[in-house]
Amino acid sequence: MSGHVDDLLSLLDLEPLEVNIYRGQNRDIGTGRVFGGQVFAQALVAARRTVDGAREAHSVHGYFILPGDLEVPIVYFVDRLRDGTSFTTRRVTAIQHGRAIFNLSVSFHIDETGVEHQEPMPSAPPAEQLVTELDLIRALESRIPPSRRTVLTQDRPIDFRPVVPLDPFNPKPLTPVRHVWFKAYGELPDDSLLHQAVLAYASDHGLLGTALLPHGLSLWSPGMQLASLDHSLWMHRPFRVDEWLLYAMDSPVAAGARGFVRGSIYSRDGALVASVAQEGLMRLRPTEA
């Protein structure tokens, strides 16, 4: 297993401080603040630690309140809202500097069977035929600001492979649709919470940028301020994140300096295993001539 995957698993292995209270560390991925997928995944882990029995998260909803400080651990407080016959509900508040920076609501469900249907997986070339996103970024290394270069070109715990590579330093207007294969490097333990948490972490990667595509903008465009405001994840079926998953993203609307993005995550055999929705801030500030 890649050492950077070990780092991610360590990031998700929260330290218990008291009953219903946990502490997590941070990892800089190049944004200068705590990655939204990290706090989302850590909060999910904190919630699951308070649930007894074989119940899996199926509906997870988070609100990003303040930017996270990379230099300070995050403390997670879990409220045990309900322990029902079939469903368990938890609320998690993430704290830094005495203030809430994020909150999460999550529902867990027993294993049940019922009728099934789904939208088919979109057509995409196999992941093995595509270039890793990290290699694409490293090819642009000379254009990355020096203060961010080392972090952005570091090894990663997850292999992302976009179907259509993008040049963030020379964006062109495109249809707001993206397809990206991803999987964790190496083989992960058979722990469903671990696979759910890594998926939650990955589900925030590159998602909001889909809403910039029709405008010929990227995170690196002058004056662009991009930040997740909320994030929702529904998990429909069991999956493994150490096997290839296809993330199909689209953005039906942007308005009011906010962009809305949807995502569907499929296993390689075409099963729709998870759905995602997010609204984010897309503020274009005036720049000096």
C-alpha atoms as a PDB file:
ATOM      1  CA  MET A   1       0.000   0.000   0.000  1.00  0.00           C
ATOM      2  CA  SER A   2       1.239   3.502  -0.865  1.00  0.00           C
ATOM      3  CA  GLY A   3       2.646   5.447   2.052  1.00  0.00           C
ATOM      4  CA  HIS A   4       0.368   8.309   1.093  1.00  0.00           C
ATOM      5  CA  VAL A   5      -2.631   5.993   1.370  1.00  0.00           C
ATOM      6  CA  ASP A   6      -1.377   5.127   4.853  1.00  0.00           C
ATOM      7  CA  ASP A   7      -1.289   8.869   5.558  1.00  0.00           C
ATOM      8  CA  LEU A   8      -4.919   9.202   4.442  1.00  0.00           C
ATOM      9  CA  LEU A   9      -6.005   6.253   6.580  1.00  0.00           C
ATOM     10  CA  SER A  10      -4.181   7.798   9.530  1.00  0.00           C
ATOM     11  CA  LEU A  11      -6.004  11.064   8.833  1.00  0.00           C
ATOM     12  CA  LEU A  12      -9.317   9.195   9.072  1.00  0.00           C
ATOM     13  CA  ASP A  13      -8.344   7.338  12.267  1.00  0.00           C
ATOM     14  CA  LEU A  14      -9.641   9.913  14.733  1.00  0.00           C
ATOM     15  CA  GLU A  15      -8.350  10.176  18.282  1.00  0.00           C
ATOM     16  CA  PRO A  16     -11.086   9.658  20.912  1.00  0.00           C
ATOM     17  CA  LEU A  17     -10.984  12.401  23.550  1.00  0.00           C
ATOM     18  CA  GLU A  18     -14.170  11.681  25.503  1.00  0.00           C
ATOM     19  CA  VAL A  19     -17.508  10.022  24.941  1.00  0.00           C
ATOM     20  CA  ASN A  20     -18.823  11.393  21.598  1.00  0.00           C
ATOM     21  CA  ILE A  21     -15.758  13.655  21.138  1.00  0.00           C
ATOM     22  CA  TYR A  22     -12.936  12.999  18.646  1.00  0.00           C
ATOM     23  CA  ARG A  23      -9.916  14.851  17.284  1.00  0.00           C
ATOM     24  CA  GLY A  24      -8.545  14.783  13.737  1.00  0.00           C
ATOM     25  CA  GLN A  25      -5.383  16.091  12.087  1.00  0.00           C
ATOM     26  CA  ASN A  26      -5.059  17.926   8.751  1.00  0.00           C
ATOM     27  CA  ARG A  27      -3.299  17.486   5.423  1.00  0.00           C
ATOM     28  CA  ASP A  28      -2.528  20.305   3.001  1.00  0.00           C
ATOM     29  CA  ILE A  29      -3.533  19.447  -0.571  1.00  0.00           C
ATOM     30  CA  GLY A  30      -2.536  22.839  -1.984  1.00  0.00           C
ATOM     31  CA  THR A  31      -5.472  25.138  -1.226  1.00  0.00           C
ATOM     32  CA  GLY A  32      -3.975  26.768   1.864  1.00  0.00           C
ATOM     33  CA  ARG A  33      -6.949  25.675   3.993  1.00  0.00           C
ATOM     34  CA  VAL A  34      -8.453  22.414   5.189  1.00  0.00           C
ATOM     35  CA  PHE A  35      -9.785  20.395   2.244  1.00  0.00           C
ATOM     36  CA  GLY A  36     -13.570  20.106   2.435  1.00  0.00           C
ATOM     37  CA  GLY A  37     -13.502  16.400   1.624  1.00  0.00           C
ATOM     38  CA  GLN A  38     -11.236  15.829   4.620  1.00  0.00           C
ATOM     39  CA  VAL A  39     -13.509  17.404   7.232  1.00  0.00           C
ATOM     40  CA  PHE A  40     -16.554  15.786   5.572  1.00  0.00           C
ATOM     41  CA  ALA A  41     -14.947  12.329   5.767  1.00  0.00           C
ATOM     42  CA  GLN A  42     -13.628  12.811   9.306  1.00  0.00           C
ATOM     43  CA  ALA A  43     -17.058  13.911  10.533  1.00  0.00           C
ATOM     44  CA  LEU A  44     -18.579  10.790   8.954  1.00  0.00           C
ATOM     45  CA  VAL A  45     -16.034   8.623  10.787  1.00  0.00           C
ATOM     46  CA  ALA A  46     -16.794  10.402  14.079  1.00  0.00           C
ATOM     47  CA  ALA A  47     -20.513   9.770  13.634  1.00  0.00           C
ATOM     48  CA  ARG A  48     -20.038   6.080  12.781  1.00  0.00           C
ATOM     49  CA  ARG A  49     -17.881   5.538  15.867  1.00  0.00           C
ATOM     50  CA  THR A  50     -21.017   6.187  17.968  1.00  0.00           C
ATOM     51  CA  VAL A  51     -23.239   3.699  16.094  1.00  0.00           C
ATOM     52  CA  ASP A  52     -23.624   0.121  17.321  1.00  0.00           C
ATOM     53  CA  GLY A  53     -24.307  -2.817  15.057  1.00  0.00           C
ATOM     54  CA  ALA A  54     -24.110  -3.370  11.314  1.00  0.00           C
ATOM     55  CA  ARG A  55     -25.557  -0.109  10.004  1.00  0.00           C
ATOM     56  CA  GLU A  56     -24.115   1.739   7.042  1.00  0.00           C
ATOM     57  CA  ALA A  57     -24.285   5.448   6.250  1.00  0.00           C
ATOM     58  CA  HIS A  58     -26.672   6.092   3.375  1.00  0.00           C
ATOM     59  CA  SER A  59     -27.356   9.851   3.561  1.00  0.00           C
ATOM     60  CA  VAL A  60     -24.724  12.426   4.575  1.00  0.00           C
ATOM     61  CA  HIS A  61     -25.180  16.217   4.436  1.00  0.00           C
ATOM     62  CA  GLY A  62     -22.633  18.839   5.463  1.00  0.00           C
ATOM     63  CA  TYR A  63     -22.405  22.637   5.633  1.00  0.00           C
ATOM     64  CA  PHE A  64     -19.048  24.415   5.467  1.00  0.00           C
ATOM     65  CA  ILE A  65     -19.264  27.369   7.866  1.00  0.00           C
ATOM     66  CA  LEU A  66     -15.704  28.734   8.118  1.00  0.00           C
ATOM     67  CA  PRO A  67     -12.404  27.935   6.374  1.00  0.00           C
ATOM     68  CA  GLY A  68     -10.412  25.362   8.319  1.00  0.00           C
ATOM     69  CA  ASP A  69      -6.993  26.203   9.780  1.00  0.00           C
ATOM     70  CA  LEU A  70      -4.395  23.671   8.599  1.00  0.00           C
ATOM     71  CA  GLU A  71      -2.192  24.329  11.628  1.00  0.00           C
ATOM     72  CA  VAL A  72      -4.802  23.361  14.240  1.00  0.00           C
ATOM     73  CA  PRO A  73      -6.413  19.929  14.847  1.00  0.00           C
ATOM     74  CA  ILE A  74     -10.184  19.697  14.422  1.00  0.00           C
ATOM     75  CA  VAL A  75     -12.384  18.508  17.303  1.00  0.00           C
ATOM     76  CA  TYR A  76     -15.604  16.678  16.406  1.00  0.00           C
ATOM     77  CA  PHE A  77     -18.611  16.655  18.762  1.00  0.00           C
ATOM     78  CA  VAL A  78     -21.255  14.011  17.992  1.00  0.00           C
ATOM     79  CA  ASP A  79     -24.924  14.358  19.014  1.00  0.00           C
ATOM     80  CA  ARG A  80     -26.785  11.043  19.189  1.00  0.00           C
ATOM     81  CA  LEU A  81     -30.136  12.233  17.834  1.00  0.00           C
ATOM     82  CA  ARG A  82     -31.900   8.908  17.300  1.00  0.00           C
ATOM     83  CA  ASP A  83     -31.334   5.166  17.581  1.00  0.00           C
ATOM     84  CA  GLY A  84     -34.287   3.549  15.836  1.00  0.00           C
ATOM     85  CA  THR A  85     -35.162   0.032  14.809  1.00  0.00           C
ATOM     86  CA  SER A  86     -33.978   0.553  11.219  1.00  0.00           C
ATOM     87  CA  PHE A  87     -32.313   3.968  11.151  1.00  0.00           C
ATOM     88  CA  THR A  88     -29.771   5.797  13.297  1.00  0.00           C
ATOM     89  CA  THR A  89     -29.296   9.569  13.077  1.00  0.00           C
ATOM     90  CA  ARG A  90     -26.282  11.609  14.165  1.00  0.00           C
ATOM     91  CA  ARG A  91     -25.263  15.263  14.041  1.00  0.00           C
ATOM     92  CA  VAL A  92     -21.595  16.272  14.120  1.00  0.00           C
ATOM     93  CA  THR A  93     -20.083  19.709  14.784  1.00  0.00           C
ATOM     94  CA  ALA A  94     -16.449  20.365  13.854  1.00  0.00           C
ATOM     95  CA  ILE A  95     -14.688  22.929  16.072  1.00  0.00           C
ATOM     96  CA  GLN A  96     -11.507  25.007  15.686  1.00  0.00           C
ATOM     97  CA  HIS A  97     -10.497  27.999  17.820  1.00  0.00           C
ATOM     98  CA  GLY A  98     -13.715  27.587  19.814  1.00  0.00           C
ATOM     99  CA  ARG A  99     -15.933  28.087  16.746  1.00  0.00           C
ATOM    100  CA  ALA A 100     -17.917  25.733  14.529  1.00  0.00           C
ATOM    101  CA  ILE A 101     -16.312  25.452  11.092  1.00  0.00           C
ATOM    102  CA  PHE A 102     -18.517  22.633   9.764  1.00  0.00           C
ATOM    103  CA  ASN A 103     -21.578  20.599  10.685  1.00  0.00           C
ATOM    104  CA  LEU A 104     -22.822  17.270   9.395  1.00  0.00           C
ATOM    105  CA  SER A 105     -26.065  15.315   9.525  1.00  0.00           C
ATOM    106  CA  VAL A 106     -25.890  11.620   8.723  1.00  0.00           C
ATOM    107  CA  SER A 107     -28.331   8.724   8.692  1.00  0.00           C
ATOM    108  CA  PHE A 108     -27.363   5.056   9.030  1.00  0.00           C
ATOM    109  CA  HIS A 109     -29.560   2.165   7.887  1.00  0.00           C
ATOM    110  CA  ILE A 110     -29.700  -1.573   8.443  1.00  0.00           C
ATOM    111  CA  ASP A 111     -29.225  -3.842   5.431  1.00  0.00           C
ATOM    112  CA  GLU A 112     -32.570  -4.271   3.646  1.00  0.00           C
ATOM    113  CA  THR A 113     -33.652  -5.505   0.225  1.00  0.00           C
ATOM    114  CA  GLY A 114     -36.250  -3.953  -2.066  1.00  0.00           C
ATOM    115  CA  VAL A 115     -37.030  -2.980  -5.645  1.00  0.00           C
ATOM    116  CA  GLU A 116     -34.114  -1.511  -7.604  1.00  0.00           C
ATOM    117  CA  HIS A 117     -33.516   0.694 -10.637  1.00  0.00           C
ATOM    118  CA  GLN A 118     -30.842   3.178 -11.721  1.00  0.00           C
ATOM    119  CA  GLU A 119     -29.644   5.379 -14.552  1.00  0.00           C
ATOM    120  CA  PRO A 120     -27.052   3.612 -16.728  1.00  0.00           C
ATOM    121  CA  MET A 121     -23.385   4.474 -16.459  1.00  0.00           C
ATOM    122  CA  PRO A 122     -22.198   6.890 -19.160  1.00  0.00           C
ATOM    123  CA  SER A 123     -19.744   5.630 -21.738  1.00  0.00           C
ATOM    124  CA  ALA A 124     -16.098   6.256 -20.858  1.00  0.00           C
ATOM    125  CA  PRO A 125     -12.759   4.777 -21.941  1.00  0.00           C
ATOM    126  CA  PRO A 126     -11.115   2.397 -19.445  1.00  0.00           C
ATOM    127  CA  ALA A 127      -9.055   4.039 -16.715  1.00  0.00           C
ATOM    128  CA  GLU A 128      -5.933   2.197 -17.884  1.00  0.00           C
ATOM    129  CA  GLN A 129      -6.006   4.151 -21.151  1.00  0.00           C
ATOM    130  CA  LEU A 130      -5.956   7.531 -19.378  1.00  0.00           C
ATOM    131  CA  VAL A 131      -3.193   9.673 -17.870  1.00  0.00           C
ATOM    132  CA  THR A 132      -3.241  10.291 -14.131  1.00  0.00           C
ATOM    133  CA  GLU A 133      -4.209  13.779 -13.022  1.00  0.00           C
ATOM    134  CA  LEU A 134      -0.995  14.011 -11.019  1.00  0.00           C
ATOM    135  CA  ASP A 135       1.117  13.444 -14.140  1.00  0.00           C
ATOM    136  CA  LEU A 136      -0.896  16.128 -15.928  1.00  0.00           C
ATOM    137  CA  ILE A 137      -0.247  18.568 -13.075  1.00  0.00           C
ATOM    138  CA  ARG A 138       3.449  17.737 -12.939  1.00  0.00           C
ATOM    139  CA  ALA A 139       3.691  18.492 -16.665  1.00  0.00           C
ATOM    140  CA  LEU A 140       2.490  22.026 -15.807  1.00  0.00           C
ATOM    141  CA  GLU A 141       4.821  22.371 -12.805  1.00  0.00           C
ATOM    142  CA  SER A 142       6.679  25.408 -14.132  1.00  0.00           C
ATOM    143  CA  ARG A 143       3.415  27.356 -14.322  1.00  0.00           C
ATOM    144  CA  ILE A 144       2.330  26.604 -10.756  1.00  0.00           C
ATOM    145  CA  PRO A 145       3.069  29.410  -8.258  1.00  0.00           C
ATOM    146  CA  PRO A 146       6.257  28.478  -6.357  1.00  0.00           C
ATOM    147  CA  SER A 147       4.505  28.699  -2.972  1.00  0.00           C
ATOM    148  CA  ARG A 148       2.100  25.893  -4.004  1.00  0.00           C
ATOM    149  CA  ARG A 149       4.307  23.878  -6.346  1.00  0.00           C
ATOM    150  CA  THR A 150       5.651  21.303  -3.877  1.00  0.00           C
ATOM    151  CA  VAL A 151       2.267  20.569  -2.321  1.00  0.00           C
ATOM    152  CA  LEU A 152       0.354  20.334  -5.599  1.00  0.00           C
ATOM    153  CA  THR A 153       2.887  17.991  -7.209  1.00  0.00           C
ATOM    154  CA  GLN A 154       3.308  15.690  -4.178  1.00  0.00           C
ATOM    155  CA  ASP A 155       2.295  12.015  -4.360  1.00  0.00           C
ATOM    156  CA  ARG A 156      -1.362  11.373  -3.649  1.00  0.00           C
ATOM    157  CA  PRO A 157      -3.336   8.646  -1.862  1.00  0.00           C
ATOM    158  CA  ILE A 158      -5.945   8.515  -4.662  1.00  0.00           C
ATOM    159  CA  ASP A 159      -5.365   8.088  -8.387  1.00  0.00           C
ATOM    160  CA  PHE A 160      -7.662  10.412 -10.375  1.00  0.00           C
ATOM    161  CA  ARG A 161      -7.791   9.993 -14.160  1.00  0.00           C
ATOM    162  CA  PRO A 162      -9.907  12.536 -16.074  1.00  0.00           C
ATOM    163  CA  VAL A 163     -11.462  11.381 -19.337  1.00  0.00           C
ATOM    164  CA  VAL A 164     -10.870  14.845 -20.816  1.00  0.00           C
ATOM    165  CA  PRO A 165      -7.742  16.548 -19.381  1.00  0.00           C
ATOM    166  CA  LEU A 166      -8.029  20.261 -18.628  1.00  0.00           C
ATOM    167  CA  ASP A 167      -5.404  23.008 -18.596  1.00  0.00           C
ATOM    168  CA  PRO A 168      -6.257  25.120 -15.514  1.00  0.00           C
ATOM    169  CA  PHE A 169      -3.899  27.891 -16.693  1.00  0.00           C
ATOM    170  CA  ASN A 170      -5.549  28.214 -20.105  1.00  0.00           C
ATOM    171  CA  PRO A 171      -9.203  27.197 -19.651  1.00  0.00           C
ATOM    172  CA  LYS A 172     -11.566  27.103 -22.616  1.00  0.00           C
ATOM    173  CA  PRO A 173     -15.394  27.244 -22.487  1.00  0.00           C
ATOM    174  CA  LEU A 174     -16.762  23.696 -22.350  1.00  0.00           C
ATOM    175  CA  THR A 175     -20.030  21.923 -21.615  1.00  0.00           C
ATOM    176  CA  PRO A 176     -20.307  21.631 -17.794  1.00  0.00           C
ATOM    177  CA  VAL A 177     -19.797  17.860 -17.710  1.00  0.00           C
ATOM    178  CA  ARG A 178     -16.773  15.928 -16.385  1.00  0.00           C
ATOM    179  CA  HIS A 179     -16.012  12.210 -16.129  1.00  0.00           C
ATOM    180  CA  VAL A 180     -13.150  11.076 -13.893  1.00  0.00           C
ATOM    181  CA  TRP A 181     -12.058   7.566 -12.892  1.00  0.00           C
ATOM    182  CA  PHE A 182     -10.576   7.239  -9.412  1.00  0.00           C
ATOM    183  CA  LYS A 183      -9.386   4.666  -6.905  1.00  0.00           C
ATOM    184  CA  ALA A 184      -7.128   4.506  -3.892  1.00  0.00           C
ATOM    185  CA  TYR A 185      -3.594   3.272  -4.473  1.00  0.00           C
ATOM    186  CA  GLY A 186      -3.023  -0.241  -3.141  1.00  0.00           C
ATOM    187  CA  GLU A 187      -5.457  -2.627  -1.474  1.00  0.00           C
ATOM    188  CA  LEU A 188      -7.443  -1.361   1.522  1.00  0.00           C
ATOM    189  CA  PRO A 189      -8.701  -3.404   4.492  1.00  0.00           C
ATOM    190  CA  ASP A 190     -12.188  -4.937   4.340  1.00  0.00           C
ATOM    191  CA  ASP A 191     -13.771  -2.221   6.464  1.00  0.00           C
ATOM    192  CA  SER A 192     -16.931  -0.668   4.968  1.00  0.00           C
ATOM    193  CA  LEU A 193     -16.556   2.524   7.022  1.00  0.00           C
ATOM    194  CA  LEU A 194     -13.054   3.004   5.646  1.00  0.00           C
ATOM    195  CA  HIS A 195     -14.272   2.659   2.071  1.00  0.00           C
ATOM    196  CA  GLN A 196     -17.179   5.031   2.715  1.00  0.00           C
ATOM    197  CA  ALA A 197     -14.887   7.595   4.339  1.00  0.00           C
ATOM    198  CA  VAL A 198     -12.356   7.504   1.480  1.00  0.00           C
ATOM    199  CA  LEU A 199     -15.208   7.890  -1.028  1.00  0.00           C
ATOM    200  CA  ALA A 200     -16.522  10.848   0.983  1.00  0.00           C
ATOM    201  CA  TYR A 201     -13.033  12.373   0.884  1.00  0.00           C
ATOM    202  CA  ALA A 202     -12.693  11.850  -2.886  1.00  0.00           C
ATOM    203  CA  SER A 203     -16.211  13.077  -3.691  1.00  0.00           C
ATOM    204  CA  ASP A 204     -15.209  16.719  -3.077  1.00  0.00           C
ATOM    205  CA  HIS A 205     -12.173  16.567  -5.368  1.00  0.00           C
ATOM    206  CA  GLY A 206     -12.627  18.744  -8.450  1.00  0.00           C
ATOM    207  CA  LEU A 207     -16.412  18.732  -8.149  1.00  0.00           C
ATOM    208  CA  LEU A 208     -17.168  22.458  -7.990  1.00  0.00           C
ATOM    209  CA  GLY A 209     -14.805  23.219 -10.855  1.00  0.00           C
ATOM    210  CA  THR A 210     -17.357  21.590 -13.173  1.00  0.00           C
ATOM    211  CA  ALA A 211     -19.536  24.700 -12.761  1.00  0.00           C
ATOM    212  CA  LEU A 212     -16.694  26.872 -14.118  1.00  0.00           C
ATOM    213  CA  LEU A 213     -16.352  24.978 -17.393  1.00  0.00           C
ATOM    214  CA  PRO A 214     -18.920  26.869 -19.527  1.00  0.00           C
ATOM    215  CA  HIS A 215     -17.348  30.187 -18.507  1.00  0.00           C
ATOM    216  CA  GLY A 216     -13.774  29.349 -19.524  1.00  0.00           C
ATOM    217  CA  LEU A 217     -12.612  29.751 -15.917  1.00  0.00           C
ATOM    218  CA  SER A 218     -10.647  27.663 -13.432  1.00  0.00           C
ATOM    219  CA  LEU A 219      -9.487  27.855  -9.830  1.00  0.00           C
ATOM    220  CA  TRP A 220      -6.327  29.582 -11.094  1.00  0.00           C
ATOM    221  CA  SER A 221      -8.143  32.272 -13.094  1.00  0.00           C
ATOM    222  CA  PRO A 222      -7.273  35.794 -11.838  1.00  0.00           C
ATOM    223  CA  GLY A 223      -9.716  36.995  -9.198  1.00  0.00           C
ATOM    224  CA  MET A 224     -11.462  33.623  -8.820  1.00  0.00           C
ATOM    225  CA  GLN A 225     -12.636  32.664  -5.327  1.00  0.00           C
ATOM    226  CA  LEU A 226     -13.980  29.115  -5.130  1.00  0.00           C
ATOM    227  CA  ALA A 227     -15.256  27.423  -1.960  1.00  0.00           C
ATOM    228  CA  SER A 228     -17.680  24.621  -1.091  1.00  0.00           C
ATOM    229  CA  LEU A 229     -20.760  25.823   0.803  1.00  0.00           C
ATOM    230  CA  ASP A 230     -22.480  22.493   1.320  1.00  0.00           C
ATOM    231  CA  HIS A 231     -21.981  18.889   0.257  1.00  0.00           C
ATOM    232  CA  SER A 232     -24.382  15.944   0.184  1.00  0.00           C
ATOM    233  CA  LEU A 233     -23.584  12.296  -0.410  1.00  0.00           C
ATOM    234  CA  TRP A 234     -25.966   9.372  -0.749  1.00  0.00           C
ATOM    235  CA  MET A 235     -24.533   5.857  -0.781  1.00  0.00           C
ATOM    236  CA  HIS A 236     -26.806   3.320  -2.470  1.00  0.00           C
ATOM    237  CA  ARG A 237     -24.842   0.086  -2.647  1.00  0.00           C
ATOM    238  CA  PRO A 238     -21.660  -1.478  -1.235  1.00  0.00           C
ATOM    239  CA  PHE A 239     -18.437  -0.599  -3.089  1.00  0.00           C
ATOM    240  CA  ARG A 240     -14.670  -0.661  -2.790  1.00  0.00           C
ATOM    241  CA  VAL A 241     -12.553   2.454  -3.307  1.00  0.00           C
ATOM    242  CA  ASP A 242      -9.468   0.386  -4.110  1.00  0.00           C
ATOM    243  CA  GLU A 243     -11.238  -0.610  -7.347  1.00  0.00           C
ATOM    244  CA  TRP A 244     -11.936   1.816 -10.197  1.00  0.00           C
ATOM    245  CA  LEU A 245     -14.989   4.064  -9.800  1.00  0.00           C
ATOM    246  CA  LEU A 246     -16.299   6.451 -12.454  1.00  0.00           C
ATOM    247  CA  TYR A 247     -17.320   9.900 -11.187  1.00  0.00           C
ATOM    248  CA  ALA A 248     -19.752  11.530 -13.653  1.00  0.00           C
ATOM    249  CA  MET A 249     -20.283  15.230 -12.792  1.00  0.00           C
ATOM    250  CA  ASP A 250     -22.483  17.921 -14.300  1.00  0.00           C
ATOM    251  CA  SER A 251     -23.554  21.456 -13.399  1.00  0.00           C
ATOM    252  CA  PRO A 252     -27.128  22.415 -14.395  1.00  0.00           C
ATOM    253  CA  VAL A 253     -26.967  26.000 -13.077  1.00  0.00           C
ATOM    254  CA  ALA A 254     -24.780  28.809 -11.738  1.00  0.00           C
ATOM    255  CA  ALA A 255     -26.366  32.010 -10.389  1.00  0.00           C
ATOM    256  CA  GLY A 256     -25.920  34.540  -7.587  1.00  0.00           C
ATOM    257  CA  ALA A 257     -22.149  33.883  -7.381  1.00  0.00           C
ATOM    258  CA  ARG A 258     -22.955  30.239  -6.589  1.00  0.00           C
ATOM    259  CA  GLY A 259     -22.568  27.114  -8.674  1.00  0.00           C
ATOM    260  CA  PHE A 260     -24.551  23.892  -8.286  1.00  0.00           C
ATOM    261  CA  VAL A 261     -23.020  20.541  -9.228  1.00  0.00           C
ATOM    262  CA  ARG A 262     -24.283  16.962  -9.254  1.00  0.00           C
ATOM    263  CA  GLY A 263     -22.346  13.728  -9.371  1.00  0.00           C
ATOM    264  CA  SER A 264     -23.003  10.033  -9.932  1.00  0.00           C
ATOM    265  CA  ILE A 265     -20.408   7.438  -8.922  1.00  0.00           C
ATOM    266  CA  TYR A 266     -20.421   4.054 -10.661  1.00  0.00           C
ATOM    267  CA  SER A 267     -18.505   0.856 -10.057  1.00  0.00           C
ATOM    268  CA  ARG A 268     -16.686  -0.585 -13.028  1.00  0.00           C
ATOM    269  CA  ASP A 269     -19.499  -3.071 -13.704  1.00  0.00           C
ATOM    270  CA  GLY A 270     -21.957  -0.187 -14.122  1.00  0.00           C
ATOM    271  CA  ALA A 271     -23.665  -0.182 -10.713  1.00  0.00           C
ATOM    272  CA  LEU A 272     -24.609   3.284  -9.433  1.00  0.00           C
ATOM    273  CA  VAL A 273     -23.107   3.169  -5.935  1.00  0.00           C
ATOM    274  CA  ALA A 274     -23.353   6.802  -4.794  1.00  0.00           C
ATOM    275  CA  SER A 275     -24.799  10.205  -5.705  1.00  0.00           C
ATOM    276  CA  VAL A 276     -23.453  13.652  -4.840  1.00  0.00           C
ATOM    277  CA  ALA A 277     -24.741  17.225  -4.856  1.00  0.00           C
ATOM    278  CA  GLN A 278     -22.939  20.424  -3.934  1.00  0.00           C
ATOM    279  CA  GLU A 279     -23.400  24.180  -4.019  1.00  0.00           C
ATOM    280  CA  GLY A 280     -20.320  26.357  -3.879  1.00  0.00           C
ATOM    281  CA  LEU A 281     -19.233  29.962  -3.909  1.00  0.00           C
ATOM    282  CA  MET A 282     -17.958  31.116  -7.312  1.00  0.00           C
ATOM    283  CA  ARG A 283     -16.953  34.724  -6.781  1.00  0.00           C
ATOM    284  CA  LEU A 284     -15.026  36.546  -9.485  1.00  0.00           C
ATOM    285  CA  ARG A 285     -13.293  39.536  -7.899  1.00  0.00           C
ATOM    286  CA  PRO A 286     -12.086  42.512  -9.973  1.00  0.00           C
ATOM    287  CA  THR A 287      -8.373  42.351 -10.768  1.00  0.00           C
ATOM    288  CA  GLU A 288      -5.916  45.160 -11.317  1.00  0.00           C
ATOM    289  CA  ALA A 289      -5.254  46.060 -14.935  1.00  0.00           C
END
